[in-house]
């Protein structure tokens, strides 16, 4: 059975199940969910806890033996299996399938993995766990969802803020969910319950946003010129290589140009995006970008990118960072 992370609290109220699999690339959210499961398991008598960390030399028979061993100190126990690589291997796959087929009656088993791709989720071990227990996937909190996420966290500590304040907070901690969590907790220590003003938050919260070149590409596709400026400024301050930034911008422009060319020849945008291996989660963003740009404008952007490449290599004069900014803004405002 698969449930959403936001359904976990209501699910646990009905009773802890024998098996849980948590996976995803948001360590904070996975840690919180694991803590919730551990807490409810303790309430239901799981005093003893056994932890297995799967490394290269891990012996999967230890897990199977543990499953067949009665608890020494309590009527129930908690067994945790941590797979940092997300790849149990052939022996692990067989062991997990066997374990799921004969779940110990006195045990709550918690398996924790990082992000799992489609191939891993199609594996026999994953299917066995999905059938025998409860699976929770954790996805990154997207930029558009971050203000609401912060608002919900503030509500837990009896604080609230206007949308403009939540937006400010999101801008300060974007791309760094752990920092967002810490900043919200800090507000609980600094201010009483009630409404938080922008002045209070501005004075208390540090700018801990974390950006990478992929978020720069997303900002370009979204047509958000202000965000393009901010990300470039942060990347420059962090000493990011202009070559990597140029690659990120050029990559998005080249994909858009290819899609526009395909549309001109009568192709279907949905099929063109599949052919270009564009992830489903990004297709709507790309679709909007395609609709607001022209093929000629995109080709002009590629020419400008070629000029920046010459500057980086020392074959032409100019301010590389200024040109990168102009390229990003020109493409975002198309």
C-alpha atoms as a PDB file:
ATOM      1  CA  UNK A   1       0.000   0.000   0.000  1.00  0.00           C
ATOM      2  CA  UNK A   2       1.280   3.446  -0.878  1.00  0.00           C
ATOM      3  CA  UNK A   3       0.246   6.560   1.043  1.00  0.00           C
ATOM      4  CA  UNK A   4       1.238  10.217   0.894  1.00  0.00           C
ATOM      5  CA  UNK A   5       3.459  11.675   3.649  1.00  0.00           C
ATOM      6  CA  UNK A   6       0.684  14.043   4.719  1.00  0.00           C
ATOM      7  CA  UNK A   7      -1.544  11.012   5.393  1.00  0.00           C
ATOM      8  CA  UNK A   8       0.915   9.383   7.810  1.00  0.00           C
ATOM      9  CA  UNK A   9      -0.410  10.945  11.035  1.00  0.00           C
ATOM     10  CA  UNK A  10      -3.972   9.792  10.400  1.00  0.00           C
ATOM     11  CA  UNK A  11      -2.682   6.408   9.329  1.00  0.00           C
ATOM     12  CA  UNK A  12      -0.679   5.908  12.540  1.00  0.00           C
ATOM     13  CA  UNK A  13      -3.661   6.813  14.714  1.00  0.00           C
ATOM     14  CA  UNK A  14      -5.334   3.649  13.407  1.00  0.00           C
ATOM     15  CA  UNK A  15      -2.373   1.519  14.465  1.00  0.00           C
ATOM     16  CA  UNK A  16       1.203   0.847  13.404  1.00  0.00           C
ATOM     17  CA  UNK A  17       1.602  -1.642  10.554  1.00  0.00           C
ATOM     18  CA  UNK A  18       4.264  -4.394  10.502  1.00  0.00           C
ATOM     19  CA  UNK A  19       6.297  -2.904   7.633  1.00  0.00           C
ATOM     20  CA  UNK A  20       7.162   0.585   6.330  1.00  0.00           C
ATOM     21  CA  UNK A  21       9.379   1.710   3.456  1.00  0.00           C
ATOM     22  CA  UNK A  22      10.404   5.382   3.357  1.00  0.00           C
ATOM     23  CA  UNK A  23      12.313   6.680   0.345  1.00  0.00           C
ATOM     24  CA  UNK A  24      13.108  10.003  -1.298  1.00  0.00           C
ATOM     25  CA  UNK A  25      15.629  12.830  -1.464  1.00  0.00           C
ATOM     26  CA  UNK A  26      14.354  15.019   1.383  1.00  0.00           C
ATOM     27  CA  UNK A  27      16.257  13.753   4.424  1.00  0.00           C
ATOM     28  CA  UNK A  28      14.409  16.073   6.822  1.00  0.00           C
ATOM     29  CA  UNK A  29      10.954  14.810   5.851  1.00  0.00           C
ATOM     30  CA  UNK A  30      12.078  11.171   5.958  1.00  0.00           C
ATOM     31  CA  UNK A  31      13.633  11.699   9.397  1.00  0.00           C
ATOM     32  CA  UNK A  32      10.424  13.250  10.733  1.00  0.00           C
ATOM     33  CA  UNK A  33       8.307  10.407   9.351  1.00  0.00           C
ATOM     34  CA  UNK A  34      10.680   7.813  10.791  1.00  0.00           C
ATOM     35  CA  UNK A  35      10.535   9.525  14.190  1.00  0.00           C
ATOM     36  CA  UNK A  36       6.722   9.480  14.076  1.00  0.00           C
ATOM     37  CA  UNK A  37       6.683   5.746  13.298  1.00  0.00           C
ATOM     38  CA  UNK A  38       9.222   5.063  16.058  1.00  0.00           C
ATOM     39  CA  UNK A  39       7.132   7.049  18.546  1.00  0.00           C
ATOM     40  CA  UNK A  40       3.912   5.189  17.783  1.00  0.00           C
ATOM     41  CA  UNK A  41       5.765   1.875  17.792  1.00  0.00           C
ATOM     42  CA  UNK A  42       7.060   2.597  21.308  1.00  0.00           C
ATOM     43  CA  UNK A  43       3.529   3.380  22.449  1.00  0.00           C
ATOM     44  CA  UNK A  44       2.467  -0.015  21.163  1.00  0.00           C
ATOM     45  CA  UNK A  45       5.151  -1.839  23.115  1.00  0.00           C
ATOM     46  CA  UNK A  46       8.162  -1.815  20.777  1.00  0.00           C
ATOM     47  CA  UNK A  47      10.798  -1.136  23.422  1.00  0.00           C
ATOM     48  CA  UNK A  48      13.656  -3.064  21.822  1.00  0.00           C
ATOM     49  CA  UNK A  49      15.249  -1.622  18.655  1.00  0.00           C
ATOM     50  CA  UNK A  50      17.647  -3.263  16.209  1.00  0.00           C
ATOM     51  CA  UNK A  51      19.328  -1.351  13.363  1.00  0.00           C
ATOM     52  CA  UNK A  52      20.898  -2.801  10.204  1.00  0.00           C
ATOM     53  CA  UNK A  53      22.925  -0.593   7.854  1.00  0.00           C
ATOM     54  CA  UNK A  54      23.382  -2.176   4.447  1.00  0.00           C
ATOM     55  CA  UNK A  55      26.948  -1.746   3.234  1.00  0.00           C
ATOM     56  CA  UNK A  56      29.012  -3.605   0.662  1.00  0.00           C
ATOM     57  CA  UNK A  57      29.870  -6.486   3.014  1.00  0.00           C
ATOM     58  CA  UNK A  58      26.417  -6.711   4.609  1.00  0.00           C
ATOM     59  CA  UNK A  59      25.164 -10.242   5.257  1.00  0.00           C
ATOM     60  CA  UNK A  60      21.446 -10.349   4.479  1.00  0.00           C
ATOM     61  CA  UNK A  61      21.085 -13.587   6.446  1.00  0.00           C
ATOM     62  CA  UNK A  62      21.420 -11.476   9.604  1.00  0.00           C
ATOM     63  CA  UNK A  63      18.118  -9.789   8.783  1.00  0.00           C
ATOM     64  CA  UNK A  64      16.376 -13.108   8.115  1.00  0.00           C
ATOM     65  CA  UNK A  65      17.740 -14.613  11.331  1.00  0.00           C
ATOM     66  CA  UNK A  66      16.601 -11.549  13.257  1.00  0.00           C
ATOM     67  CA  UNK A  67      13.127 -11.927  11.800  1.00  0.00           C
ATOM     68  CA  UNK A  68      12.939 -15.456  13.189  1.00  0.00           C
ATOM     69  CA  UNK A  69      14.277 -14.516  16.628  1.00  0.00           C
ATOM     70  CA  UNK A  70      11.903 -13.620  19.442  1.00  0.00           C
ATOM     71  CA  UNK A  71      12.390 -10.360  21.316  1.00  0.00           C
ATOM     72  CA  UNK A  72      14.332 -10.770  24.555  1.00  0.00           C
ATOM     73  CA  UNK A  73      13.122  -7.733  26.499  1.00  0.00           C
ATOM     74  CA  UNK A  74       9.597  -6.938  25.314  1.00  0.00           C
ATOM     75  CA  UNK A  75       6.612  -8.411  23.562  1.00  0.00           C
ATOM     76  CA  UNK A  76       7.365  -6.340  20.456  1.00  0.00           C
ATOM     77  CA  UNK A  77      10.383  -4.675  18.840  1.00  0.00           C
ATOM     78  CA  UNK A  78      11.393  -2.276  16.076  1.00  0.00           C
ATOM     79  CA  UNK A  79      13.789  -3.349  13.321  1.00  0.00           C
ATOM     80  CA  UNK A  80      15.318  -0.688  11.078  1.00  0.00           C
ATOM     81  CA  UNK A  81      16.999  -1.453   7.760  1.00  0.00           C
ATOM     82  CA  UNK A  82      18.913   1.459   6.236  1.00  0.00           C
ATOM     83  CA  UNK A  83      20.003   1.114   2.606  1.00  0.00           C
ATOM     84  CA  UNK A  84      22.053   4.271   1.845  1.00  0.00           C
ATOM     85  CA  UNK A  85      22.648   3.270  -1.785  1.00  0.00           C
ATOM     86  CA  UNK A  86      19.038   2.311  -2.454  1.00  0.00           C
ATOM     87  CA  UNK A  87      20.366  -0.852  -4.136  1.00  0.00           C
ATOM     88  CA  UNK A  88      20.076  -4.038  -2.096  1.00  0.00           C
ATOM     89  CA  UNK A  89      21.606  -6.145  -4.901  1.00  0.00           C
ATOM     90  CA  UNK A  90      20.525  -9.624  -5.913  1.00  0.00           C
ATOM     91  CA  UNK A  91      21.081 -11.197  -2.482  1.00  0.00           C
ATOM     92  CA  UNK A  92      19.302  -8.307  -0.789  1.00  0.00           C
ATOM     93  CA  UNK A  93      16.404  -8.451  -3.209  1.00  0.00           C
ATOM     94  CA  UNK A  94      15.865 -12.150  -2.493  1.00  0.00           C
ATOM     95  CA  UNK A  95      16.233 -11.620   1.258  1.00  0.00           C
ATOM     96  CA  UNK A  96      13.730  -8.746   1.313  1.00  0.00           C
ATOM     97  CA  UNK A  97      11.231 -10.766  -0.715  1.00  0.00           C
ATOM     98  CA  UNK A  98      11.597 -13.666   1.726  1.00  0.00           C
ATOM     99  CA  UNK A  99      11.304 -11.323   4.703  1.00  0.00           C
ATOM    100  CA  UNK A 100       8.134  -9.735   3.326  1.00  0.00           C
ATOM    101  CA  UNK A 101       6.599 -13.149   2.683  1.00  0.00           C
ATOM    102  CA  UNK A 102       7.110 -14.116   6.341  1.00  0.00           C
ATOM    103  CA  UNK A 103       6.860 -10.888   8.342  1.00  0.00           C
ATOM    104  CA  UNK A 104       7.605 -11.466  12.039  1.00  0.00           C
ATOM    105  CA  UNK A 105       4.464 -11.034  14.100  1.00  0.00           C
ATOM    106  CA  UNK A 106       6.143  -9.282  17.034  1.00  0.00           C
ATOM    107  CA  UNK A 107       8.060  -6.738  14.943  1.00  0.00           C
ATOM    108  CA  UNK A 108       7.588  -3.355  13.264  1.00  0.00           C
ATOM    109  CA  UNK A 109      10.100  -3.119  10.402  1.00  0.00           C
ATOM    110  CA  UNK A 110      11.193   0.260   9.066  1.00  0.00           C
ATOM    111  CA  UNK A 111      13.207   0.356   5.816  1.00  0.00           C
ATOM    112  CA  UNK A 112      14.791   3.673   4.782  1.00  0.00           C
ATOM    113  CA  UNK A 113      16.194   4.379   1.302  1.00  0.00           C
ATOM    114  CA  UNK A 114      17.273   7.456  -0.664  1.00  0.00           C
ATOM    115  CA  UNK A 115      15.548   8.483  -3.888  1.00  0.00           C
ATOM    116  CA  UNK A 116      14.609   5.417  -5.962  1.00  0.00           C
ATOM    117  CA  UNK A 117      14.270   5.656  -9.736  1.00  0.00           C
ATOM    118  CA  UNK A 118      11.585   3.925 -11.786  1.00  0.00           C
ATOM    119  CA  UNK A 119      13.774   0.882 -12.366  1.00  0.00           C
ATOM    120  CA  UNK A 120      14.227   0.385  -8.611  1.00  0.00           C
ATOM    121  CA  UNK A 121      10.500   0.827  -7.982  1.00  0.00           C
ATOM    122  CA  UNK A 122       9.818  -1.828 -10.596  1.00  0.00           C
ATOM    123  CA  UNK A 123      12.112  -4.293  -8.813  1.00  0.00           C
ATOM    124  CA  UNK A 124      10.736  -7.420  -7.175  1.00  0.00           C
ATOM    125  CA  UNK A 125      11.950  -6.410  -3.708  1.00  0.00           C
ATOM    126  CA  UNK A 126      10.169  -3.048  -3.935  1.00  0.00           C
ATOM    127  CA  UNK A 127       6.954  -4.662  -5.196  1.00  0.00           C
ATOM    128  CA  UNK A 128       7.103  -7.182  -2.362  1.00  0.00           C
ATOM    129  CA  UNK A 129       7.397  -4.402   0.224  1.00  0.00           C
ATOM    130  CA  UNK A 130       4.624  -2.391  -1.397  1.00  0.00           C
ATOM    131  CA  UNK A 131       2.329  -5.416  -1.234  1.00  0.00           C
ATOM    132  CA  UNK A 132       3.250  -6.466   2.304  1.00  0.00           C
ATOM    133  CA  UNK A 133       3.528  -3.066   3.970  1.00  0.00           C
ATOM    134  CA  UNK A 134       3.173   0.687   3.672  1.00  0.00           C
ATOM    135  CA  UNK A 135       5.314   2.698   1.226  1.00  0.00           C
ATOM    136  CA  UNK A 136       5.849   6.452   1.571  1.00  0.00           C
ATOM    137  CA  UNK A 137       7.655   8.389  -1.181  1.00  0.00           C
ATOM    138  CA  UNK A 138       9.101  11.784  -0.266  1.00  0.00           C
ATOM    139  CA  UNK A 139       9.619  14.407  -2.955  1.00  0.00           C
ATOM    140  CA  UNK A 140      11.344  17.799  -2.715  1.00  0.00           C
ATOM    141  CA  UNK A 141       9.166  20.716  -1.642  1.00  0.00           C
ATOM    142  CA  UNK A 142       8.926  22.722  -4.860  1.00  0.00           C
ATOM    143  CA  UNK A 143       9.409  26.481  -4.949  1.00  0.00           C
ATOM    144  CA  UNK A 144       5.694  27.149  -5.449  1.00  0.00           C
ATOM    145  CA  UNK A 145       4.808  24.912  -2.478  1.00  0.00           C
ATOM    146  CA  UNK A 146       7.349  26.337  -0.052  1.00  0.00           C
ATOM    147  CA  UNK A 147       5.299  29.287   1.342  1.00  0.00           C
ATOM    148  CA  UNK A 148       2.395  26.948   2.173  1.00  0.00           C
ATOM    149  CA  UNK A 149       4.829  24.462   3.743  1.00  0.00           C
ATOM    150  CA  UNK A 150       6.310  27.197   5.929  1.00  0.00           C
ATOM    151  CA  UNK A 151       2.818  28.406   6.846  1.00  0.00           C
ATOM    152  CA  UNK A 152       1.846  24.905   7.984  1.00  0.00           C
ATOM    153  CA  UNK A 153       5.008  24.646  10.088  1.00  0.00           C
ATOM    154  CA  UNK A 154       4.299  28.001  11.727  1.00  0.00           C
ATOM    155  CA  UNK A 155       0.755  26.856  12.519  1.00  0.00           C
ATOM    156  CA  UNK A 156       2.173  23.903  14.465  1.00  0.00           C
ATOM    157  CA  UNK A 157       3.766  26.387  16.876  1.00  0.00           C
ATOM    158  CA  UNK A 158       0.664  28.616  16.994  1.00  0.00           C
ATOM    159  CA  UNK A 159       2.138  31.297  14.758  1.00  0.00           C
ATOM    160  CA  UNK A 160       0.953  32.613  11.416  1.00  0.00           C
ATOM    161  CA  UNK A 161       1.986  35.172   8.828  1.00  0.00           C
ATOM    162  CA  UNK A 162       0.579  37.002   5.841  1.00  0.00           C
ATOM    163  CA  UNK A 163       1.359  35.680   2.341  1.00  0.00           C
ATOM    164  CA  UNK A 164       3.971  38.392   1.747  1.00  0.00           C
ATOM    165  CA  UNK A 165       5.841  37.255   4.871  1.00  0.00           C
ATOM    166  CA  UNK A 166       5.666  33.602   3.853  1.00  0.00           C
ATOM    167  CA  UNK A 167       6.978  34.572   0.418  1.00  0.00           C
ATOM    168  CA  UNK A 168       9.876  36.433   2.003  1.00  0.00           C
ATOM    169  CA  UNK A 169      10.714  33.410   4.139  1.00  0.00           C
ATOM    170  CA  UNK A 170      10.576  31.135   1.097  1.00  0.00           C
ATOM    171  CA  UNK A 171      12.974  33.417  -0.783  1.00  0.00           C
ATOM    172  CA  UNK A 172      15.446  33.285   2.091  1.00  0.00           C
ATOM    173  CA  UNK A 173      15.545  29.498   2.475  1.00  0.00           C
ATOM    174  CA  UNK A 174      14.796  28.223  -1.033  1.00  0.00           C
ATOM    175  CA  UNK A 175      16.536  24.971  -1.863  1.00  0.00           C
ATOM    176  CA  UNK A 176      17.487  24.338   1.771  1.00  0.00           C
ATOM    177  CA  UNK A 177      14.604  22.645   3.561  1.00  0.00           C
ATOM    178  CA  UNK A 178      16.609  21.950   6.694  1.00  0.00           C
ATOM    179  CA  UNK A 179      17.402  25.657   6.954  1.00  0.00           C
ATOM    180  CA  UNK A 180      13.693  26.442   6.498  1.00  0.00           C
ATOM    181  CA  UNK A 181      12.885  24.077   9.367  1.00  0.00           C
ATOM    182  CA  UNK A 182      15.515  25.690  11.585  1.00  0.00           C
ATOM    183  CA  UNK A 183      14.415  29.236  10.781  1.00  0.00           C
ATOM    184  CA  UNK A 184      10.791  28.404  11.621  1.00  0.00           C
ATOM    185  CA  UNK A 185      11.897  26.909  14.924  1.00  0.00           C
ATOM    186  CA  UNK A 186      13.937  30.034  15.650  1.00  0.00           C
ATOM    187  CA  UNK A 187      10.838  32.194  15.166  1.00  0.00           C
ATOM    188  CA  UNK A 188       9.071  30.163  17.853  1.00  0.00           C
ATOM    189  CA  UNK A 189      11.891  30.955  20.285  1.00  0.00           C
ATOM    190  CA  UNK A 190      12.035  34.659  19.440  1.00  0.00           C
ATOM    191  CA  UNK A 191       8.357  35.589  19.247  1.00  0.00           C
ATOM    192  CA  UNK A 192       5.145  34.614  21.055  1.00  0.00           C
ATOM    193  CA  UNK A 193       2.193  32.882  19.442  1.00  0.00           C
ATOM    194  CA  UNK A 194       0.178  34.998  17.037  1.00  0.00           C
ATOM    195  CA  UNK A 195       0.782  36.919  13.847  1.00  0.00           C
ATOM    196  CA  UNK A 196       4.360  37.556  12.722  1.00  0.00           C
ATOM    197  CA  UNK A 197       5.081  40.831  10.957  1.00  0.00           C
ATOM    198  CA  UNK A 198       7.435  41.252   8.028  1.00  0.00           C
ATOM    199  CA  UNK A 199       9.689  43.460  10.158  1.00  0.00           C
ATOM    200  CA  UNK A 200      10.001  40.768  12.827  1.00  0.00           C
ATOM    201  CA  UNK A 201      10.791  38.045  10.327  1.00  0.00           C
ATOM    202  CA  UNK A 202      13.170  40.185   8.266  1.00  0.00           C
ATOM    203  CA  UNK A 203      15.248  40.953  11.341  1.00  0.00           C
ATOM    204  CA  UNK A 204      15.349  37.341  12.553  1.00  0.00           C
ATOM    205  CA  UNK A 205      15.839  35.239   9.458  1.00  0.00           C
ATOM    206  CA  UNK A 206      19.158  34.788   7.696  1.00  0.00           C
ATOM    207  CA  UNK A 207      19.502  34.469   3.935  1.00  0.00           C
ATOM    208  CA  UNK A 208      20.324  30.772   3.671  1.00  0.00           C
ATOM    209  CA  UNK A 209      18.944  30.050   0.215  1.00  0.00           C
ATOM    210  CA  UNK A 210      20.857  27.368  -1.614  1.00  0.00           C
ATOM    211  CA  UNK A 211      20.893  27.415  -5.396  1.00  0.00           C
ATOM    212  CA  UNK A 212      22.451  25.359  -8.133  1.00  0.00           C
ATOM    213  CA  UNK A 213      22.638  25.670 -11.902  1.00  0.00           C
ATOM    214  CA  UNK A 214      19.571  23.482 -12.351  1.00  0.00           C
ATOM    215  CA  UNK A 215      17.414  25.947 -10.429  1.00  0.00           C
ATOM    216  CA  UNK A 216      18.795  28.633 -12.745  1.00  0.00           C
ATOM    217  CA  UNK A 217      17.438  26.662 -15.702  1.00  0.00           C
ATOM    218  CA  UNK A 218      14.051  26.345 -13.998  1.00  0.00           C
ATOM    219  CA  UNK A 219      13.916  30.108 -13.416  1.00  0.00           C
ATOM    220  CA  UNK A 220      14.687  30.735 -17.089  1.00  0.00           C
ATOM    221  CA  UNK A 221      11.907  28.376 -18.192  1.00  0.00           C
ATOM    222  CA  UNK A 222       9.471  29.983 -15.753  1.00  0.00           C
ATOM    223  CA  UNK A 223      10.221  33.425 -17.188  1.00  0.00           C
ATOM    224  CA  UNK A 224      11.177  34.706 -13.734  1.00  0.00           C
ATOM    225  CA  UNK A 225      13.808  37.357 -14.512  1.00  0.00           C
ATOM    226  CA  UNK A 226      14.129  38.500 -10.901  1.00  0.00           C
ATOM    227  CA  UNK A 227      14.905  34.973  -9.770  1.00  0.00           C
ATOM    228  CA  UNK A 228      17.428  34.546 -12.576  1.00  0.00           C
ATOM    229  CA  UNK A 229      19.235  37.640 -11.262  1.00  0.00           C
ATOM    230  CA  UNK A 230      19.204  36.404  -7.676  1.00  0.00           C
ATOM    231  CA  UNK A 231      20.436  32.903  -8.488  1.00  0.00           C
ATOM    232  CA  UNK A 232      23.237  34.232 -10.694  1.00  0.00           C
ATOM    233  CA  UNK A 233      24.275  36.642  -7.942  1.00  0.00           C
ATOM    234  CA  UNK A 234      24.414  33.820  -5.374  1.00  0.00           C
ATOM    235  CA  UNK A 235      26.292  31.480  -7.722  1.00  0.00           C
ATOM    236  CA  UNK A 236      28.824  34.185  -8.507  1.00  0.00           C
ATOM    237  CA  UNK A 237      29.330  34.847  -4.791  1.00  0.00           C
ATOM    238  CA  UNK A 238      29.862  31.126  -4.187  1.00  0.00           C
ATOM    239  CA  UNK A 239      32.540  31.008  -6.876  1.00  0.00           C
ATOM    240  CA  UNK A 240      30.630  28.817  -9.321  1.00  0.00           C
ATOM    241  CA  UNK A 241      32.393  28.182 -12.633  1.00  0.00           C
ATOM    242  CA  UNK A 242      30.898  30.320 -15.462  1.00  0.00           C
ATOM    243  CA  UNK A 243      31.385  27.354 -17.800  1.00  0.00           C
ATOM    244  CA  UNK A 244      28.852  25.325 -15.803  1.00  0.00           C
ATOM    245  CA  UNK A 245      26.399  28.221 -15.696  1.00  0.00           C
ATOM    246  CA  UNK A 246      26.661  28.766 -19.437  1.00  0.00           C
ATOM    247  CA  UNK A 247      26.070  25.053 -19.960  1.00  0.00           C
ATOM    248  CA  UNK A 248      22.901  25.178 -17.847  1.00  0.00           C
ATOM    249  CA  UNK A 249      21.476  28.163 -19.727  1.00  0.00           C
ATOM    250  CA  UNK A 250      22.458  26.849 -23.151  1.00  0.00           C
ATOM    251  CA  UNK A 251      20.986  23.440 -22.380  1.00  0.00           C
ATOM    252  CA  UNK A 252      17.526  24.897 -21.748  1.00  0.00           C
ATOM    253  CA  UNK A 253      17.693  27.216 -24.774  1.00  0.00           C
ATOM    254  CA  UNK A 254      18.805  24.374 -27.039  1.00  0.00           C
ATOM    255  CA  UNK A 255      15.944  22.124 -25.861  1.00  0.00           C
ATOM    256  CA  UNK A 256      13.391  24.890 -26.417  1.00  0.00           C
ATOM    257  CA  UNK A 257      14.779  25.573 -29.899  1.00  0.00           C
ATOM    258  CA  UNK A 258      14.532  21.885 -30.762  1.00  0.00           C
ATOM    259  CA  UNK A 259      10.918  21.768 -29.591  1.00  0.00           C
ATOM    260  CA  UNK A 260       9.999  24.925 -31.516  1.00  0.00           C
ATOM    261  CA  UNK A 261      11.576  23.457 -34.638  1.00  0.00           C
ATOM    262  CA  UNK A 262       9.596  20.256 -34.177  1.00  0.00           C
ATOM    263  CA  UNK A 263       6.361  22.197 -33.790  1.00  0.00           C
ATOM    264  CA  UNK A 264       7.114  24.117 -36.985  1.00  0.00           C
ATOM    265  CA  UNK A 265       7.382  20.795 -38.791  1.00  0.00           C
ATOM    266  CA  UNK A 266       3.987  19.736 -37.469  1.00  0.00           C
ATOM    267  CA  UNK A 267       5.030  17.590 -34.522  1.00  0.00           C
ATOM    268  CA  UNK A 268       3.087  17.043 -31.314  1.00  0.00           C
ATOM    269  CA  UNK A 269       4.551  18.884 -28.332  1.00  0.00           C
ATOM    270  CA  UNK A 270       3.813  15.980 -25.982  1.00  0.00           C
ATOM    271  CA  UNK A 271       5.638  13.542 -28.258  1.00  0.00           C
ATOM    272  CA  UNK A 272       8.477  15.978 -28.859  1.00  0.00           C
ATOM    273  CA  UNK A 273       9.017  16.337 -25.107  1.00  0.00           C
ATOM    274  CA  UNK A 274       9.053  12.573 -24.665  1.00  0.00           C
ATOM    275  CA  UNK A 275      11.568  12.247 -27.497  1.00  0.00           C
ATOM    276  CA  UNK A 276      13.717  14.895 -25.794  1.00  0.00           C
ATOM    277  CA  UNK A 277      13.660  12.888 -22.533  1.00  0.00           C
ATOM    278  CA  UNK A 278      12.043  15.711 -20.573  1.00  0.00           C
ATOM    279  CA  UNK A 279      10.915  14.505 -17.163  1.00  0.00           C
ATOM    280  CA  UNK A 280       7.192  14.499 -16.571  1.00  0.00           C
ATOM    281  CA  UNK A 281       7.629  16.769 -13.556  1.00  0.00           C
ATOM    282  CA  UNK A 282       9.184  19.471 -15.824  1.00  0.00           C
ATOM    283  CA  UNK A 283       6.912  19.131 -18.855  1.00  0.00           C
ATOM    284  CA  UNK A 284       4.433  21.804 -17.804  1.00  0.00           C
ATOM    285  CA  UNK A 285       7.253  24.259 -17.115  1.00  0.00           C
ATOM    286  CA  UNK A 286       8.802  23.529 -20.519  1.00  0.00           C
ATOM    287  CA  UNK A 287       5.428  23.767 -22.256  1.00  0.00           C
ATOM    288  CA  UNK A 288       4.846  27.291 -20.934  1.00  0.00           C
ATOM    289  CA  UNK A 289       8.361  28.309 -21.997  1.00  0.00           C
ATOM    290  CA  UNK A 290       7.833  26.957 -25.517  1.00  0.00           C
ATOM    291  CA  UNK A 291       4.588  28.895 -25.904  1.00  0.00           C
ATOM    292  CA  UNK A 292       6.149  32.244 -24.979  1.00  0.00           C
ATOM    293  CA  UNK A 293       9.293  31.977 -27.124  1.00  0.00           C
ATOM    294  CA  UNK A 294       9.947  32.024 -30.855  1.00  0.00           C
ATOM    295  CA  UNK A 295      12.419  29.885 -32.761  1.00  0.00           C
ATOM    296  CA  UNK A 296      14.229  32.970 -34.053  1.00  0.00           C
ATOM    297  CA  UNK A 297      14.608  34.385 -30.543  1.00  0.00           C
ATOM    298  CA  UNK A 298      16.003  31.090 -29.276  1.00  0.00           C
ATOM    299  CA  UNK A 299      18.510  30.825 -32.113  1.00  0.00           C
ATOM    300  CA  UNK A 300      19.636  34.351 -31.325  1.00  0.00           C
ATOM    301  CA  UNK A 301      20.127  33.246 -27.722  1.00  0.00           C
ATOM    302  CA  UNK A 302      22.323  30.367 -28.855  1.00  0.00           C
ATOM    303  CA  UNK A 303      24.448  32.794 -30.873  1.00  0.00           C
ATOM    304  CA  UNK A 304      24.850  34.976 -27.804  1.00  0.00           C
ATOM    305  CA  UNK A 305      25.825  31.907 -25.772  1.00  0.00           C
ATOM    306  CA  UNK A 306      28.497  31.099 -28.365  1.00  0.00           C
ATOM    307  CA  UNK A 307      29.893  34.605 -27.871  1.00  0.00           C
ATOM    308  CA  UNK A 308      30.044  34.107 -24.090  1.00  0.00           C
ATOM    309  CA  UNK A 309      31.857  30.830 -24.636  1.00  0.00           C
ATOM    310  CA  UNK A 310      34.525  32.723 -26.593  1.00  0.00           C
ATOM    311  CA  UNK A 311      34.861  35.230 -23.726  1.00  0.00           C
ATOM    312  CA  UNK A 312      35.331  32.431 -21.189  1.00  0.00           C
ATOM    313  CA  UNK A 313      38.070  30.939 -23.366  1.00  0.00           C
ATOM    314  CA  UNK A 314      39.788  34.314 -23.705  1.00  0.00           C
ATOM    315  CA  UNK A 315      39.077  34.596 -27.435  1.00  0.00           C
ATOM    316  CA  UNK A 316      36.834  37.658 -27.084  1.00  0.00           C
ATOM    317  CA  UNK A 317      36.634  40.635 -24.736  1.00  0.00           C
ATOM    318  CA  UNK A 318      33.762  41.340 -22.365  1.00  0.00           C
ATOM    319  CA  UNK A 319      32.374  40.838 -18.859  1.00  0.00           C
ATOM    320  CA  UNK A 320      31.377  37.172 -18.702  1.00  0.00           C
ATOM    321  CA  UNK A 321      29.082  37.544 -15.690  1.00  0.00           C
ATOM    322  CA  UNK A 322      27.309  40.540 -17.170  1.00  0.00           C
ATOM    323  CA  UNK A 323      26.777  38.648 -20.420  1.00  0.00           C
ATOM    324  CA  UNK A 324      25.456  35.622 -18.557  1.00  0.00           C
ATOM    325  CA  UNK A 325      22.992  37.880 -16.769  1.00  0.00           C
ATOM    326  CA  UNK A 326      21.882  39.507 -20.022  1.00  0.00           C
ATOM    327  CA  UNK A 327      21.458  36.090 -21.645  1.00  0.00           C
ATOM    328  CA  UNK A 328      19.375  34.800 -18.749  1.00  0.00           C
ATOM    329  CA  UNK A 329      17.168  37.899 -18.635  1.00  0.00           C
ATOM    330  CA  UNK A 330      16.684  37.990 -22.402  1.00  0.00           C
ATOM    331  CA  UNK A 331      15.569  34.371 -22.494  1.00  0.00           C
ATOM    332  CA  UNK A 332      13.395  34.679 -19.385  1.00  0.00           C
ATOM    333  CA  UNK A 333      11.588  37.738 -20.707  1.00  0.00           C
ATOM    334  CA  UNK A 334      10.973  36.362 -24.201  1.00  0.00           C
END
